[in-house]
């Protein structure tokens, strides 16, 4: 799990419960998915040392208190930019 902000105690406890329930191992990392340099560090120093991944979910976005269908073009691109940049960073 990668996020810009450090995880809250509640999030750490949720992840621990998930690990206990499923037997999965979850790594919590702090990085900005829209930063190529930070994601390159994650990829080369963390992901490269793990078994193959079955998939990645990009949940990054800039929040605006509007439905996506109500966003104008400029706001839409501002909201979606972290997802696109993160995807590009992970595939290079």
N, C-alpha and C. Protein backbone atom coordinates (compact mmCIF):
# COMPACT_ATOMS: atom_id res chain seq x y z
N UNK A 1 0.85 -1.15 0.00
CA UNK A 1 0.00 0.00 0.00
C UNK A 1 0.91 1.23 0.00
N UNK A 2 0.69 2.12 -0.93
CA UNK A 2 1.50 3.33 -1.04
C UNK A 2 0.58 4.54 -0.90
N UNK A 3 0.98 5.47 -0.04
CA UNK A 3 0.21 6.70 0.14
C UNK A 3 1.17 7.85 0.40
N UNK A 4 0.73 9.06 0.08
CA UNK A 4 1.55 10.25 0.35
C UNK A 4 1.71 10.49 1.83
N UNK A 5 0.64 10.28 2.58
CA UNK A 5 0.64 10.55 4.01
C UNK A 5 1.00 9.29 4.79
N UNK A 6 1.61 9.47 5.95
CA UNK A 6 1.87 8.29 6.78
C UNK A 6 0.54 7.69 7.24
N UNK A 7 0.49 6.38 7.44
CA UNK A 7 -0.77 5.76 7.84
C UNK A 7 -1.15 6.12 9.27
N UNK A 8 -2.44 6.28 9.48
CA UNK A 8 -2.94 6.54 10.83
C UNK A 8 -2.87 5.23 11.62
N UNK A 9 -2.98 5.35 12.93
CA UNK A 9 -3.00 4.15 13.77
C UNK A 9 -4.17 3.26 13.39
N UNK A 10 -5.30 3.88 13.06
CA UNK A 10 -6.48 3.12 12.66
C UNK A 10 -6.20 2.32 11.38
N UNK A 11 -5.52 2.94 10.41
CA UNK A 11 -5.20 2.25 9.16
C UNK A 11 -4.24 1.10 9.42
N UNK A 12 -3.26 1.30 10.28
CA UNK A 12 -2.31 0.24 10.62
C UNK A 12 -3.06 -0.95 11.24
N UNK A 13 -4.00 -0.66 12.11
CA UNK A 13 -4.78 -1.72 12.74
C UNK A 13 -5.68 -2.43 11.73
N UNK A 14 -6.26 -1.69 10.79
CA UNK A 14 -7.10 -2.30 9.75
C UNK A 14 -6.27 -3.24 8.88
N UNK A 15 -5.07 -2.81 8.52
CA UNK A 15 -4.20 -3.65 7.70
C UNK A 15 -3.77 -4.89 8.47
N UNK A 16 -3.46 -4.73 9.74
CA UNK A 16 -3.08 -5.89 10.57
C UNK A 16 -4.23 -6.89 10.65
N UNK A 17 -5.46 -6.39 10.80
CA UNK A 17 -6.62 -7.28 10.85
C UNK A 17 -6.80 -8.00 9.52
N UNK A 18 -6.62 -7.30 8.43
CA UNK A 18 -6.71 -7.90 7.10
C UNK A 18 -5.66 -9.00 6.93
N UNK A 19 -4.45 -8.73 7.38
CA UNK A 19 -3.38 -9.74 7.30
C UNK A 19 -3.75 -10.97 8.13
N UNK A 20 -4.27 -10.75 9.33
CA UNK A 20 -4.65 -11.87 10.20
C UNK A 20 -5.79 -12.69 9.60
N UNK A 21 -6.75 -12.02 8.99
CA UNK A 21 -7.91 -12.71 8.42
C UNK A 21 -7.59 -13.48 7.15
N UNK A 22 -6.68 -12.96 6.35
CA UNK A 22 -6.44 -13.53 5.02
C UNK A 22 -5.11 -14.24 4.87
N UNK A 23 -4.18 -13.97 5.78
CA UNK A 23 -2.84 -14.53 5.63
C UNK A 23 -1.97 -13.74 4.66
N UNK A 24 -2.52 -12.66 4.12
CA UNK A 24 -1.77 -11.80 3.19
C UNK A 24 -0.73 -11.00 3.96
N UNK A 25 0.29 -10.57 3.27
CA UNK A 25 1.29 -9.66 3.82
C UNK A 25 1.15 -8.34 3.08
N UNK A 26 0.91 -7.27 3.83
CA UNK A 26 0.72 -5.95 3.24
C UNK A 26 1.86 -5.05 3.68
N UNK A 27 2.53 -4.44 2.71
CA UNK A 27 3.57 -3.46 3.02
C UNK A 27 2.94 -2.07 2.90
N UNK A 28 3.21 -1.24 3.89
CA UNK A 28 2.71 0.14 3.88
C UNK A 28 3.91 1.04 3.61
N UNK A 29 3.83 1.77 2.51
CA UNK A 29 4.93 2.65 2.09
C UNK A 29 4.43 4.07 1.93
N UNK A 30 5.34 5.02 2.16
CA UNK A 30 4.98 6.42 1.97
C UNK A 30 5.70 6.94 0.74
N UNK A 31 4.92 7.35 -0.26
CA UNK A 31 5.47 7.93 -1.49
C UNK A 31 4.33 8.63 -2.22
N UNK A 32 4.68 9.58 -3.04
CA UNK A 32 3.70 10.30 -3.86
C UNK A 32 3.65 9.61 -5.22
N UNK A 33 2.51 9.01 -5.54
CA UNK A 33 2.39 8.25 -6.78
C UNK A 33 2.56 9.15 -8.01
N UNK A 34 2.39 10.45 -7.86
CA UNK A 34 2.57 11.35 -9.00
C UNK A 34 4.03 11.78 -9.16
N UNK A 35 4.92 11.29 -8.29
CA UNK A 35 6.35 11.60 -8.39
C UNK A 35 7.08 10.42 -9.01
N UNK A 36 7.59 10.63 -10.21
CA UNK A 36 8.32 9.56 -10.90
C UNK A 36 9.48 9.06 -10.05
N UNK A 37 10.22 9.97 -9.43
CA UNK A 37 11.39 9.58 -8.63
C UNK A 37 10.99 8.73 -7.43
N UNK A 38 9.94 9.12 -6.72
CA UNK A 38 9.51 8.35 -5.56
C UNK A 38 8.98 6.98 -5.97
N UNK A 39 8.25 6.91 -7.08
CA UNK A 39 7.72 5.62 -7.51
C UNK A 39 8.83 4.73 -8.07
N UNK A 40 9.84 5.31 -8.68
CA UNK A 40 10.98 4.54 -9.16
C UNK A 40 11.69 3.92 -7.95
N UNK A 41 11.82 4.66 -6.85
CA UNK A 41 12.42 4.13 -5.63
C UNK A 41 11.59 2.95 -5.11
N UNK A 42 10.28 3.12 -5.06
CA UNK A 42 9.40 2.03 -4.60
C UNK A 42 9.56 0.82 -5.49
N UNK A 43 9.61 1.04 -6.79
CA UNK A 43 9.69 -0.08 -7.73
C UNK A 43 11.01 -0.81 -7.61
N UNK A 44 12.12 -0.09 -7.53
CA UNK A 44 13.42 -0.75 -7.52
C UNK A 44 13.84 -1.26 -6.15
N UNK A 45 13.37 -0.65 -5.08
CA UNK A 45 13.80 -1.04 -3.74
C UNK A 45 12.79 -1.88 -2.97
N UNK A 46 11.55 -1.92 -3.44
CA UNK A 46 10.53 -2.69 -2.73
C UNK A 46 9.88 -3.71 -3.66
N UNK A 47 9.23 -3.25 -4.71
CA UNK A 47 8.49 -4.16 -5.58
C UNK A 47 9.39 -5.20 -6.23
N UNK A 48 10.59 -4.82 -6.59
CA UNK A 48 11.51 -5.76 -7.25
C UNK A 48 11.89 -6.92 -6.35
N UNK A 49 11.77 -6.75 -5.05
CA UNK A 49 12.15 -7.79 -4.09
C UNK A 49 10.97 -8.69 -3.69
N UNK A 50 9.79 -8.40 -4.22
CA UNK A 50 8.59 -9.16 -3.87
C UNK A 50 8.27 -10.17 -4.97
N UNK A 51 7.46 -11.19 -4.63
CA UNK A 51 6.97 -12.09 -5.68
C UNK A 51 6.15 -11.30 -6.70
N UNK A 52 5.87 -11.90 -7.83
CA UNK A 52 5.07 -11.22 -8.85
C UNK A 52 3.74 -10.75 -8.27
N UNK A 53 3.33 -9.57 -8.73
CA UNK A 53 2.06 -9.02 -8.29
C UNK A 53 0.95 -9.49 -9.23
N UNK A 54 -0.22 -9.73 -8.67
CA UNK A 54 -1.36 -10.14 -9.48
C UNK A 54 -2.10 -8.92 -10.03
N UNK A 55 -1.89 -7.76 -9.43
CA UNK A 55 -2.57 -6.56 -9.89
C UNK A 55 -2.26 -5.38 -9.00
N UNK A 56 -2.55 -4.21 -9.52
CA UNK A 56 -2.34 -2.96 -8.79
C UNK A 56 -3.60 -2.14 -8.92
N UNK A 57 -4.05 -1.56 -7.81
CA UNK A 57 -5.20 -0.66 -7.82
C UNK A 57 -4.69 0.74 -7.58
N UNK A 58 -4.96 1.63 -8.52
CA UNK A 58 -4.56 3.03 -8.35
C UNK A 58 -5.77 3.81 -7.86
N UNK A 59 -5.75 4.17 -6.59
CA UNK A 59 -6.87 4.90 -6.00
C UNK A 59 -6.53 6.37 -5.79
N UNK A 60 -5.38 6.80 -6.25
CA UNK A 60 -4.95 8.18 -6.06
C UNK A 60 -5.83 9.14 -6.84
N UNK A 61 -6.14 10.25 -6.22
CA UNK A 61 -6.86 11.30 -6.91
C UNK A 61 -6.89 12.56 -6.06
N UNK A 62 -7.15 13.66 -6.69
CA UNK A 62 -7.35 14.92 -5.99
C UNK A 62 -8.85 15.03 -5.75
N UNK A 63 -9.22 15.27 -4.51
CA UNK A 63 -10.65 15.31 -4.19
C UNK A 63 -11.25 16.68 -4.47
N UNK A 64 -12.43 16.65 -5.06
CA UNK A 64 -13.27 17.83 -5.23
C UNK A 64 -14.66 17.40 -4.82
N UNK A 65 -15.37 18.26 -4.15
CA UNK A 65 -16.70 17.90 -3.66
C UNK A 65 -17.73 18.02 -4.77
N UNK A 66 -17.55 17.19 -5.80
CA UNK A 66 -18.47 17.15 -6.93
C UNK A 66 -18.50 15.72 -7.45
N UNK A 67 -19.59 15.37 -8.09
CA UNK A 67 -19.63 14.10 -8.80
C UNK A 67 -18.75 14.23 -10.04
N UNK A 68 -18.15 13.14 -10.46
CA UNK A 68 -17.29 13.17 -11.65
C UNK A 68 -18.07 13.71 -12.84
N UNK A 69 -19.33 13.36 -12.94
CA UNK A 69 -20.15 13.82 -14.07
C UNK A 69 -20.38 15.33 -14.06
N UNK A 70 -20.12 15.99 -12.94
CA UNK A 70 -20.32 17.43 -12.83
C UNK A 70 -19.02 18.22 -12.98
N UNK A 71 -17.90 17.53 -13.16
CA UNK A 71 -16.61 18.22 -13.28
C UNK A 71 -16.45 18.83 -14.66
N UNK A 72 -15.88 20.04 -14.69
CA UNK A 72 -15.53 20.60 -15.98
C UNK A 72 -14.22 19.97 -16.45
N UNK A 73 -13.83 20.22 -17.65
CA UNK A 73 -12.65 19.59 -18.25
C UNK A 73 -11.38 19.83 -17.42
N UNK A 74 -11.14 21.07 -17.03
CA UNK A 74 -9.93 21.41 -16.27
C UNK A 74 -9.88 20.68 -14.92
N UNK A 75 -11.00 20.67 -14.20
CA UNK A 75 -11.06 20.01 -12.90
C UNK A 75 -10.92 18.50 -13.07
N UNK A 76 -11.54 17.93 -14.10
CA UNK A 76 -11.44 16.50 -14.35
C UNK A 76 -9.98 16.10 -14.52
N UNK A 77 -9.23 16.83 -15.33
CA UNK A 77 -7.83 16.49 -15.55
C UNK A 77 -7.00 16.67 -14.29
N UNK A 78 -7.34 17.64 -13.46
CA UNK A 78 -6.65 17.83 -12.19
C UNK A 78 -6.92 16.65 -11.26
N UNK A 79 -8.15 16.14 -11.27
CA UNK A 79 -8.53 15.01 -10.42
C UNK A 79 -7.87 13.72 -10.90
N UNK A 80 -7.82 13.50 -12.19
CA UNK A 80 -7.35 12.23 -12.74
C UNK A 80 -5.83 12.17 -12.92
N UNK A 81 -5.16 13.32 -12.89
CA UNK A 81 -3.71 13.37 -13.15
C UNK A 81 -2.89 12.42 -12.27
N UNK A 82 -3.13 12.33 -10.95
CA UNK A 82 -2.31 11.40 -10.15
C UNK A 82 -2.45 9.94 -10.58
N UNK A 83 -3.63 9.53 -11.02
CA UNK A 83 -3.81 8.16 -11.49
C UNK A 83 -2.98 7.91 -12.74
N UNK A 84 -3.04 8.84 -13.67
CA UNK A 84 -2.33 8.68 -14.95
C UNK A 84 -0.82 8.69 -14.70
N UNK A 85 -0.34 9.65 -13.92
CA UNK A 85 1.09 9.73 -13.63
C UNK A 85 1.56 8.49 -12.88
N UNK A 86 0.79 8.02 -11.93
CA UNK A 86 1.15 6.82 -11.19
C UNK A 86 1.23 5.60 -12.09
N UNK A 87 0.29 5.45 -12.99
CA UNK A 87 0.30 4.32 -13.92
C UNK A 87 1.53 4.39 -14.82
N UNK A 88 1.84 5.56 -15.31
CA UNK A 88 3.02 5.71 -16.16
C UNK A 88 4.29 5.37 -15.38
N UNK A 89 4.38 5.86 -14.16
CA UNK A 89 5.56 5.60 -13.32
C UNK A 89 5.77 4.12 -13.09
N UNK A 90 4.70 3.38 -12.91
CA UNK A 90 4.80 1.95 -12.64
C UNK A 90 5.12 1.10 -13.86
N UNK A 91 4.89 1.65 -15.04
CA UNK A 91 5.14 0.87 -16.25
C UNK A 91 6.44 1.19 -16.94
N UNK A 92 7.15 2.19 -16.48
CA UNK A 92 8.44 2.54 -17.11
C UNK A 92 9.56 1.70 -16.59
